[in-house]
Protein backbone atom coordinates (compact mmCIF):
# COMPACT_ATOMS: atom_id res chain seq x y z
CA MET A 1 -22.43 11.53 -8.15
CA THR A 2 -24.06 9.98 -5.21
CA ASP A 3 -26.39 7.25 -5.59
CA PRO A 4 -29.61 7.83 -3.43
CA ARG A 5 -30.14 4.00 -3.20
CA ILE A 6 -26.96 3.47 -1.37
CA GLY A 7 -25.08 5.29 1.16
CA GLY A 8 -22.30 6.94 -0.83
CA THR A 9 -20.66 7.08 -4.23
CA PRO A 10 -20.76 3.73 -5.79
CA PRO A 11 -17.46 2.26 -7.34
CA GLY A 12 -17.38 2.45 -11.19
CA PHE A 13 -17.62 -0.59 -12.99
CA GLY A 14 -14.08 -0.35 -14.18
CA GLU A 15 -12.70 -0.08 -10.57
CA ALA A 16 -14.72 -3.18 -9.55
CA LEU A 17 -13.60 -5.11 -12.62
CA ARG A 18 -9.96 -4.43 -11.56
CA PHE A 19 -10.82 -5.68 -8.00
CA TRP A 20 -12.48 -8.92 -9.13
CA LEU A 21 -9.59 -9.66 -11.46
CA LYS A 22 -7.28 -9.16 -8.63
CA LEU A 23 -9.39 -11.41 -6.45
CA GLY A 24 -9.09 -14.06 -9.01
CA PHE A 25 -5.27 -14.33 -8.60
CA ILE A 26 -5.03 -13.72 -4.75
CA SER A 27 -7.99 -15.92 -3.51
CA PHE A 28 -5.93 -18.45 -1.97
CA GLY A 29 -6.82 -20.69 1.07
CA GLY A 30 -10.05 -22.23 -0.07
CA PRO A 31 -13.58 -20.92 0.75
CA ALA A 32 -12.80 -19.85 4.15
CA GLY A 33 -9.71 -17.64 3.03
CA GLN A 34 -11.62 -16.41 0.09
CA ILE A 35 -14.62 -15.28 2.10
CA ALA A 36 -12.15 -13.53 4.76
CA VAL A 37 -10.39 -11.76 1.64
CA MET A 38 -13.57 -10.30 0.51
CA HIS A 39 -14.75 -9.41 4.02
CA GLN A 40 -11.51 -7.55 4.56
CA GLU A 41 -11.46 -5.89 1.13
CA LEU A 42 -15.29 -5.06 0.69
CA VAL A 43 -16.52 -4.65 4.25
CA GLU A 44 -13.62 -3.42 6.12
CA LYS A 45 -11.57 -1.57 3.56
CA ARG A 46 -13.56 -0.33 0.78
CA ARG A 47 -16.91 -0.19 2.47
CA TRP A 48 -18.77 -1.19 -0.64
CA ILE A 49 -21.16 -3.41 1.64
CA SER A 50 -22.12 -3.38 5.35
CA GLU A 51 -21.37 -6.51 7.53
CA GLY A 52 -25.08 -7.34 7.83
CA ARG A 53 -25.65 -7.47 4.14
CA PHE A 54 -22.37 -9.31 3.53
CA LEU A 55 -23.37 -12.05 6.06
CA HIS A 56 -26.87 -12.14 4.70
CA ALA A 57 -25.49 -12.98 1.30
CA LEU A 58 -23.12 -15.42 2.65
CA ASN A 59 -25.66 -17.41 4.53
CA TYR A 60 -27.60 -17.54 1.27
CA CYS A 61 -24.72 -18.79 -0.57
CA MET A 62 -24.05 -21.40 2.19
CA LEU A 63 -27.41 -22.49 1.65
CA LEU A 64 -27.02 -23.12 -2.12
CA PRO A 65 -25.31 -26.07 -3.78
CA GLY A 66 -21.90 -25.35 -5.28
CA PRO A 67 -18.90 -23.16 -4.39
CA GLU A 68 -20.14 -20.48 -1.80
CA ALA A 69 -16.99 -18.19 -2.29
CA GLN A 70 -17.64 -17.78 -6.13
CA GLN A 71 -21.33 -17.40 -5.31
CA LEU A 72 -20.64 -14.89 -2.92
CA ALA A 73 -18.53 -12.91 -5.22
CA THR A 74 -21.18 -13.24 -8.25
CA TYR A 75 -23.92 -12.01 -5.60
CA LEU A 76 -21.93 -8.92 -4.45
CA GLY A 77 -20.90 -8.11 -8.19
CA TRP A 78 -24.62 -8.27 -9.16
CA LEU A 79 -25.75 -6.19 -6.21
CA LEU A 80 -23.23 -3.40 -7.15
CA HIS A 81 -23.50 -3.57 -11.01
CA ARG A 82 -26.31 -5.39 -12.09
CA GLY A 83 -25.97 -8.67 -14.42
CA ARG A 84 -22.67 -7.50 -15.90
CA GLY A 85 -21.36 -7.08 -12.59
CA GLY A 86 -22.26 -10.34 -11.44
CA ILE A 87 -20.93 -12.06 -14.54
CA ALA A 88 -17.61 -10.30 -14.21
CA ALA A 89 -17.17 -11.19 -10.63
CA GLY A 90 -17.99 -14.88 -11.17
CA VAL A 91 -16.15 -15.53 -14.34
CA LEU A 92 -12.93 -13.74 -13.06
CA PHE A 93 -13.10 -15.67 -9.72
CA VAL A 94 -12.72 -18.86 -11.83
CA LEU A 95 -10.96 -18.10 -14.99
CA PRO A 96 -7.29 -17.62 -13.51
CA SER A 97 -7.48 -20.77 -11.55
CA LEU A 98 -8.90 -22.75 -14.69
CA PHE A 99 -5.82 -21.92 -16.75
CA ILE A 100 -3.32 -22.39 -14.04
CA LEU A 101 -5.00 -25.95 -12.96
CA ILE A 102 -4.79 -27.00 -16.75
CA GLY A 103 -1.08 -26.39 -16.86
CA LEU A 104 -0.61 -27.95 -13.45
CA SER A 105 -2.62 -30.92 -14.46
CA TRP A 106 -0.59 -31.38 -17.66
CA LEU A 107 2.53 -31.29 -15.56
CA TYR A 108 1.25 -33.72 -13.01
CA VAL A 109 0.25 -36.37 -15.73
CA THR A 110 3.69 -36.05 -17.27
CA HIS A 111 6.01 -35.74 -14.35
CA GLY A 112 4.05 -36.91 -11.45
CA GLU A 113 5.94 -39.93 -10.93
CA GLN A 114 9.35 -38.08 -10.58
CA PRO A 115 10.86 -38.49 -7.04
CA LEU A 116 10.84 -34.88 -6.62
CA VAL A 117 7.27 -34.16 -7.55
CA ALA A 118 6.25 -37.39 -5.49
CA SER A 119 8.00 -35.91 -2.45
CA LEU A 120 6.30 -32.58 -2.72
CA PHE A 121 2.77 -34.27 -2.81
CA TYR A 122 3.77 -36.58 0.01
CA GLY A 123 4.19 -33.59 2.15
CA ILE A 124 1.39 -31.50 0.90
CA LYS A 125 -1.32 -34.02 1.24
CA PRO A 126 -1.07 -34.38 5.18
CA ALA A 127 -1.37 -30.64 5.26
CA VAL A 128 -4.51 -30.75 3.26
CA THR A 129 -6.14 -32.60 5.95
CA ALA A 130 -4.97 -30.15 8.59
CA ILE A 131 -6.33 -27.21 6.35
CA VAL A 132 -9.62 -29.04 5.95
CA LEU A 133 -9.94 -29.30 9.73
CA HIS A 134 -9.01 -25.73 10.32
CA ALA A 135 -11.83 -24.75 7.90
CA ALA A 136 -14.16 -26.45 9.99
CA TYR A 137 -12.95 -24.79 13.13
CA ARG A 138 -13.09 -21.39 11.49
CA ILE A 139 -16.50 -21.74 10.24
CA GLY A 140 -17.87 -23.24 13.55
CA SER A 141 -16.04 -20.52 15.63
CA ARG A 142 -18.07 -17.85 13.75
CA SER A 143 -21.48 -19.80 13.31
CA LEU A 144 -21.83 -22.18 16.59
CA ARG A 145 -22.73 -19.46 19.10
CA ASN A 146 -24.95 -21.63 21.39
CA ALA A 147 -25.69 -25.14 22.51
CA SER A 148 -28.50 -25.53 19.89
CA LEU A 149 -26.05 -24.73 16.98
CA TRP A 150 -23.40 -27.02 18.35
CA ALA A 151 -26.07 -29.78 18.60
CA ILE A 152 -27.06 -29.21 14.91
CA ALA A 153 -23.31 -29.39 13.85
CA ALA A 154 -22.94 -32.71 15.99
CA ALA A 155 -26.10 -34.31 14.50
CA ALA A 156 -24.97 -33.59 11.11
CA PHE A 157 -21.44 -35.20 11.60
CA VAL A 158 -23.20 -38.14 13.01
CA ALA A 159 -25.67 -38.44 10.38
CA ILE A 160 -23.19 -38.25 7.49
CA PHE A 161 -20.30 -40.20 9.22
CA ALA A 162 -22.04 -42.97 11.08
CA LEU A 163 -25.45 -43.13 9.36
CA ASN A 164 -24.22 -42.31 5.73
CA LEU A 165 -26.97 -40.08 5.02
CA PRO A 166 -26.98 -37.79 1.84
CA PHE A 167 -26.14 -34.25 2.38
CA PRO A 168 -29.23 -32.80 0.62
CA LEU A 169 -31.10 -34.67 3.29
CA ILE A 170 -29.19 -33.34 6.23
CA VAL A 171 -29.57 -29.73 4.74
CA VAL A 172 -33.46 -30.13 4.59
CA ALA A 173 -33.39 -31.38 8.13
CA ALA A 174 -31.36 -28.56 9.17
CA ALA A 175 -33.61 -25.98 7.38
CA LEU A 176 -36.56 -27.43 9.22
CA ILE A 177 -34.98 -27.25 12.78
CA GLY A 178 -33.92 -23.70 12.07
CA HIS A 179 -37.46 -22.97 10.66
CA PHE A 180 -39.26 -24.06 13.87
CA GLY A 181 -36.37 -23.25 16.13
CA GLY A 182 -36.47 -19.66 14.95
CA ARG A 183 -40.23 -19.47 16.20
CA ILE A 184 -39.73 -21.37 19.40
CA ALA A 185 -36.33 -19.81 20.46
CA PRO A 186 -35.81 -16.89 18.12
CA ALA A 187 -32.57 -15.53 19.90
CA ARG A 188 -30.71 -18.96 19.26
CA PHE A 189 -31.32 -18.68 15.64
CA ALA A 190 -30.89 -14.99 14.94
CA MET A 191 -28.07 -13.89 12.70
CA ASP A 192 -25.09 -12.41 14.63
CA HIS A 193 -24.40 -8.99 13.01
CA PRO A 194 -21.82 -6.98 14.99
CA ALA A 195 -23.66 -3.99 16.16
CA ASN A 196 -20.37 -1.85 16.13
CA ALA A 197 -19.25 -2.68 12.62
CA SER A 198 -20.44 0.69 11.16
CA LYS A 199 -18.88 2.41 14.23
CA ILE A 200 -15.53 0.75 13.40
CA PHE A 201 -15.28 0.87 9.68
CA GLY A 202 -17.58 3.69 8.93
CA PRO A 203 -20.86 3.85 6.85
CA ALA A 204 -20.99 1.36 3.93
CA LEU A 205 -22.23 2.14 0.42
CA ILE A 206 -24.85 -0.68 0.74
CA ASP A 207 -25.65 -0.52 4.52
CA ASP A 208 -27.88 -2.43 6.56
CA ASP A 209 -30.83 -0.09 6.20
CA THR A 210 -30.15 0.82 2.70
CA PRO A 211 -33.11 0.13 0.32
CA THR A 212 -32.77 -2.61 -2.24
CA PRO A 213 -31.42 -1.27 -5.53
CA GLU A 214 -34.21 -1.45 -8.27
CA HIS A 215 -32.41 -4.02 -10.35
CA ALA A 216 -32.11 -6.27 -7.05
CA ARG A 217 -35.90 -6.25 -6.67
CA PHE A 218 -37.96 -9.32 -7.69
CA SER A 219 -39.56 -9.35 -10.93
CA ARG A 220 -41.35 -12.36 -12.67
CA ALA A 221 -39.88 -11.38 -15.83
CA ARG A 222 -36.39 -11.06 -14.61
CA LEU A 223 -36.88 -14.63 -13.07
CA ALA A 224 -38.17 -15.98 -16.21
CA ARG A 225 -35.26 -14.35 -18.42
CA ALA A 226 -32.60 -15.68 -16.00
CA ILE A 227 -33.97 -19.33 -16.19
CA LEU A 228 -34.49 -19.06 -20.09
CA ILE A 229 -30.93 -18.01 -20.64
CA ALA A 230 -29.27 -20.35 -18.24
CA GLY A 231 -31.34 -23.06 -19.92
CA VAL A 232 -30.12 -22.23 -23.32
CA LEU A 233 -26.45 -22.11 -22.02
CA TRP A 234 -26.79 -25.53 -20.45
CA LEU A 235 -28.81 -27.19 -23.26
CA VAL A 236 -26.91 -25.91 -26.47
CA PRO A 237 -23.30 -27.25 -25.20
CA MET A 238 -25.00 -30.61 -23.75
CA ALA A 239 -26.69 -31.04 -27.35
CA LEU A 240 -23.39 -30.50 -29.09
CA LEU A 241 -21.48 -33.08 -26.86
CA CYS A 242 -24.22 -35.66 -27.33
CA ALA A 243 -24.43 -35.34 -31.09
CA ARG A 244 -20.52 -35.35 -31.36
CA PHE A 245 -19.77 -38.08 -28.79
CA GLY A 246 -23.22 -39.82 -27.79
CA TRP A 247 -24.76 -39.98 -24.69
CA GLU A 248 -22.54 -42.59 -23.10
CA GLY A 249 -19.26 -40.32 -24.31
CA THR A 250 -16.92 -39.37 -21.67
CA LEU A 251 -17.25 -35.50 -22.28
CA THR A 252 -21.08 -35.82 -22.46
CA GLN A 253 -21.01 -37.92 -19.09
CA MET A 254 -18.86 -35.49 -17.57
CA GLY A 255 -21.34 -32.57 -18.44
CA TRP A 256 -24.13 -34.56 -16.95
CA PHE A 257 -22.13 -35.71 -13.72
CA PHE A 258 -21.02 -32.09 -13.04
CA THR A 259 -24.33 -30.59 -13.56
CA LYS A 260 -25.72 -32.97 -10.95
CA ALA A 261 -22.83 -32.14 -8.87
CA ALA A 262 -23.65 -28.38 -8.95
CA LEU A 263 -27.35 -28.88 -8.23
CA LEU A 264 -27.37 -31.77 -5.82
CA THR A 265 -24.52 -31.10 -3.31
CA PHE A 266 -24.80 -28.42 -0.54
CA GLY A 267 -22.45 -26.73 1.58
CA GLY A 268 -19.78 -25.47 -0.62
CA ALA A 269 -16.51 -27.16 -2.00
CA TYR A 270 -15.78 -29.13 1.16
CA ALA A 271 -19.07 -30.84 0.93
CA VAL A 272 -19.07 -31.40 -2.72
CA LEU A 273 -15.86 -33.34 -2.58
CA PRO A 274 -16.96 -36.56 -1.17
CA TYR A 275 -19.76 -36.76 -3.99
CA VAL A 276 -17.31 -36.12 -6.69
CA PHE A 277 -14.88 -38.66 -5.26
CA GLN A 278 -17.66 -41.22 -5.11
CA GLY A 279 -18.72 -40.50 -8.84
CA ALA A 280 -15.29 -39.60 -10.45
CA VAL A 281 -13.26 -42.33 -8.80
CA GLU A 282 -15.56 -45.18 -7.79
CA HIS A 283 -18.28 -45.03 -10.59
CA HIS A 284 -16.64 -43.63 -13.72
CA GLY A 285 -13.07 -44.32 -12.97
CA TRP A 286 -11.75 -41.07 -14.54
CA LEU A 287 -8.79 -40.88 -11.80
CA GLY A 288 -7.82 -42.97 -8.63
CA ALA A 289 -8.18 -42.19 -5.01
CA THR A 290 -4.68 -41.05 -4.49
CA GLN A 291 -4.90 -38.81 -7.59
CA MET A 292 -8.06 -37.23 -6.09
CA ILE A 293 -6.26 -36.27 -3.21
CA ASP A 294 -3.23 -34.82 -4.94
CA GLY A 295 -5.75 -32.82 -7.13
CA LEU A 296 -7.18 -31.43 -3.82
CA ALA A 297 -3.49 -30.64 -2.84
CA LEU A 298 -3.22 -28.61 -6.11
CA GLY A 299 -6.46 -26.76 -5.64
CA GLU A 300 -5.25 -25.75 -2.07
CA THR A 301 -2.16 -24.14 -3.43
CA THR A 302 -3.75 -22.37 -6.41
CA PRO A 303 -6.09 -19.25 -6.52
CA GLY A 304 -9.77 -19.70 -7.01
CA PRO A 305 -12.51 -21.76 -5.75
CA LEU A 306 -11.50 -25.16 -4.24
CA ILE A 307 -14.19 -26.82 -6.31
CA MET A 308 -12.03 -25.91 -9.27
CA ILE A 309 -10.43 -29.69 -8.41
CA VAL A 310 -13.36 -30.50 -11.18
CA ALA A 311 -10.84 -29.06 -13.63
CA PHE A 312 -8.17 -31.42 -12.48
CA VAL A 313 -10.71 -34.38 -12.61
CA GLY A 314 -11.97 -33.58 -16.02
CA PHE A 315 -8.37 -33.18 -17.32
CA LEU A 316 -7.08 -36.38 -15.95
CA GLY A 317 -10.33 -38.03 -17.34
CA GLY A 318 -9.99 -36.69 -20.63
CA HIS A 319 -6.33 -37.33 -20.86
CA GLY A 320 -6.58 -40.79 -19.43
CA GLN A 321 -8.99 -41.90 -21.95
CA ALA A 322 -7.20 -40.24 -24.98
CA LEU A 323 -10.44 -38.62 -26.37
CA PHE A 324 -8.97 -37.23 -29.52
CA GLY A 325 -6.29 -40.00 -29.95
CA PRO A 326 -2.90 -40.50 -28.34
CA GLU A 327 -1.30 -37.58 -30.37
CA HIS A 328 -3.77 -34.78 -28.90
CA LEU A 329 -3.55 -35.67 -25.10
CA PHE A 330 -3.13 -32.32 -23.98
CA ALA A 331 -6.27 -31.14 -25.93
CA ALA A 332 -8.43 -33.95 -24.68
CA GLY A 333 -7.45 -33.24 -21.20
CA ALA A 334 -8.12 -29.22 -21.62
CA ALA A 335 -11.03 -29.79 -23.42
CA ALA A 336 -12.51 -32.24 -20.48
CA ALA A 337 -11.31 -29.55 -17.98
CA MET A 338 -13.19 -26.84 -19.58
CA VAL A 339 -16.47 -29.14 -19.68
CA ALA A 340 -16.26 -29.83 -16.22
CA THR A 341 -15.75 -26.26 -15.06
CA TRP A 342 -18.62 -24.93 -17.48
CA PHE A 343 -21.44 -27.30 -16.28
CA THR A 344 -20.05 -27.05 -12.54
CA PHE A 345 -20.48 -23.40 -12.56
CA LEU A 346 -23.43 -22.38 -14.85
CA PRO A 347 -25.98 -23.14 -12.14
CA SER A 348 -24.15 -20.94 -9.49
CA PHE A 349 -24.94 -17.79 -12.06
CA LEU A 350 -28.70 -19.00 -12.24
CA PHE A 351 -28.94 -19.33 -8.37
CA ILE A 352 -27.83 -15.77 -7.79
CA PHE A 353 -29.66 -13.97 -10.59
CA ALA A 354 -32.87 -15.95 -10.00
CA GLY A 355 -32.80 -16.24 -6.06
CA GLY A 356 -30.82 -12.86 -5.37
CA PRO A 357 -33.73 -10.75 -5.40
CA LEU A 358 -35.75 -12.95 -3.18
CA VAL A 359 -33.01 -13.03 -0.63
CA GLU A 360 -32.64 -9.23 -0.95
CA SER A 361 -36.36 -9.04 0.25
CA THR A 362 -35.54 -11.04 3.31
CA HIS A 363 -32.57 -9.43 5.08
CA GLY A 364 -33.45 -8.96 8.72
CA ASN A 365 -36.27 -11.28 8.61
CA LEU A 366 -35.76 -13.93 11.05
CA LYS A 367 -38.25 -16.48 9.27
CA PHE A 368 -35.85 -16.64 6.47
CA THR A 369 -32.63 -16.14 8.19
CA ALA A 370 -33.17 -18.77 11.00
CA PRO A 371 -32.99 -21.77 8.59
CA LEU A 372 -29.90 -20.32 7.02
CA THR A 373 -28.13 -20.23 10.42
CA ALA A 374 -29.11 -23.80 11.13
CA ILE A 375 -27.83 -24.91 7.78
CA THR A 376 -24.43 -23.23 8.44
CA ALA A 377 -24.05 -25.10 11.78
CA ALA A 378 -24.91 -28.51 9.96
CA VAL A 379 -22.06 -27.51 7.33
CA VAL A 380 -19.46 -27.51 10.05
CA GLY A 381 -20.06 -31.12 10.84
CA VAL A 382 -20.06 -32.20 7.30
CA ILE A 383 -16.55 -30.56 6.88
CA LEU A 384 -15.38 -32.36 10.04
CA ASN A 385 -16.37 -35.49 8.16
CA LEU A 386 -14.45 -34.45 5.24
CA ALA A 387 -11.27 -34.08 7.40
CA LEU A 388 -11.48 -37.49 8.68
CA PHE A 389 -12.18 -38.77 5.19
CA PHE A 390 -9.00 -37.47 3.83
CA GLY A 391 -7.14 -38.30 7.09
CA TYR A 392 -7.96 -41.95 6.73
CA HIS A 393 -6.49 -42.04 3.14
CA VAL A 394 -3.47 -40.08 3.94
CA PHE A 395 -2.49 -41.64 7.34
CA TRP A 396 -3.40 -45.17 6.21
CA PRO A 397 -2.43 -45.23 2.32
CA LYS A 398 -2.90 -49.02 2.68
CA GLY A 399 -6.14 -49.23 4.33
CA PHE A 400 -6.76 -49.76 8.16
CA PRO A 401 -5.52 -51.47 10.17
CA ALA A 402 -2.30 -51.44 8.43
CA GLY A 403 0.35 -49.54 10.25
CA VAL A 404 -0.06 -45.65 10.12
CA ASP A 405 2.30 -43.56 7.86
CA ALA A 406 4.20 -41.71 10.70
CA GLY A 407 5.78 -39.28 8.33
CA ALA A 408 2.32 -38.11 7.10
CA LEU A 409 0.87 -37.85 10.68
CA LEU A 410 3.99 -35.69 11.72
CA ILE A 411 3.49 -33.40 8.82
CA ALA A 412 -0.23 -33.05 9.68
CA LEU A 413 0.41 -32.17 13.16
CA LEU A 414 3.08 -29.58 12.33
CA ALA A 415 0.62 -28.12 9.80
CA ALA A 416 -2.09 -28.02 12.32
CA LEU A 417 0.13 -26.41 14.83
CA ALA A 418 1.06 -23.63 12.32
CA LEU A 419 -2.65 -22.98 11.48
CA PHE A 420 -4.31 -23.27 14.81
CA VAL A 421 -1.41 -22.04 17.25
CA LEU A 422 1.04 -19.91 15.03
CA LYS A 423 -1.79 -18.39 12.93
CA ARG A 424 0.00 -18.91 9.79
CA GLY A 425 -1.58 -18.59 6.14
CA VAL A 426 -2.52 -21.53 4.06
CA ILE A 427 0.02 -20.87 1.34
CA GLU A 428 2.90 -20.88 4.03
CA VAL A 429 1.68 -23.90 5.49
CA VAL A 430 1.57 -25.88 2.13
CA ILE A 431 4.92 -24.57 1.28
CA GLY A 432 6.31 -25.87 4.45
CA ALA A 433 4.67 -29.09 4.36
CA ALA A 434 6.02 -29.57 0.61
CA LEU A 435 9.65 -28.88 1.94
CA CYS A 436 8.92 -31.44 4.78
CA GLY A 437 7.80 -33.99 2.33
CA VAL A 438 11.12 -33.75 0.48
CA ALA A 439 13.19 -33.77 3.44
CA LEU A 440 11.47 -36.92 5.04
CA LYS A 441 11.75 -38.89 1.71
CA ALA A 442 15.39 -37.88 1.34
CA ILE A 443 16.15 -39.22 4.88
CA ALA A 444 14.24 -42.38 4.35
CA SER A 445 16.30 -42.99 1.08
CA VAL A 446 19.52 -42.78 2.97
CA ILE A 447 18.38 -44.93 5.87
């Protein structure tokens, strides 16, 4: 049956469920790669949503704190199949990665010091630096369409790199620039929706001019219900943790810290990582700086959102502090990983279910899209800063001005060549870099 609200026969919930489960297992490559997979599958191949509506949703998710790729999947699932579609898409995007990372984290803490494992990570970490830099390039190439947006990206980089300004302040500044810039020079802040997308791919089920489905229209009752449910789902676990371990307990503090990370950090996974590093490594001491970079390497080589590194952080924190005694180290790590994941992703569902109806009422409205366009430009500068942050720790492991690690630098250059010039995929690059790390360590041991 054709749904009059959209441009064709909507996919059944079972068909969508199979796609979201598949996406949870194949979504490699960090947010840029995951968004590209969703665009290819949903916009180009299946035509469940148009290019314009997809980009409008993406810009909203880029505005939000938290993982934009997971939020985008939640948004699209919600738009297609109401609340159950959003929950299914968002949960299945995360669940496979959680189980995989719990297993890999256990292997890391039990076998990470073995020479072979250390050699693999030696090669992967420089590749991660190149991957983050490539992510900045990919997002920038799509979003920095004129000198004004380039200037915003450059200013954001200077603000976070040189002035050490908090990212939320940068987001607010970019939004204000977009708000006023959209009035003064609207052409410079208009969203770039390829006009020939429908001609190339055919009409979409939810097209640019398709009316908003009834369930996606704003309602005070729906907004209140979403806030109430999310509040209960946050308050009950937090109260149980506090009753069992006390406010200063590690699991309670993890719940509170990752709630703040989910609410206060904007720009997606790459922008949240410095905040997690500062809190988890420097303040709480749940893991070390080198372990944090190793965790990012694991995140880059597993499916799911890159911010799933929080599961690794949680596992190492719970395992290292032997929360349930020395005989239950795995249980402590797994519990902490699940706590970190729950409190990190819960706000993402609230943002979509509460804010989605408002966003759906604004597609094509420059007054709302111009600030999002400016924020996307600012995120490019922040991601570039993150690439330099990781490069410093990888290339100068003993700190500057100690000698540079020539082997790590060589691997990073080869990874960058593979990404930028040869157009190889992230997984191929990571595997190649890992093999290079093993080879260099083997040569070094002979010499």
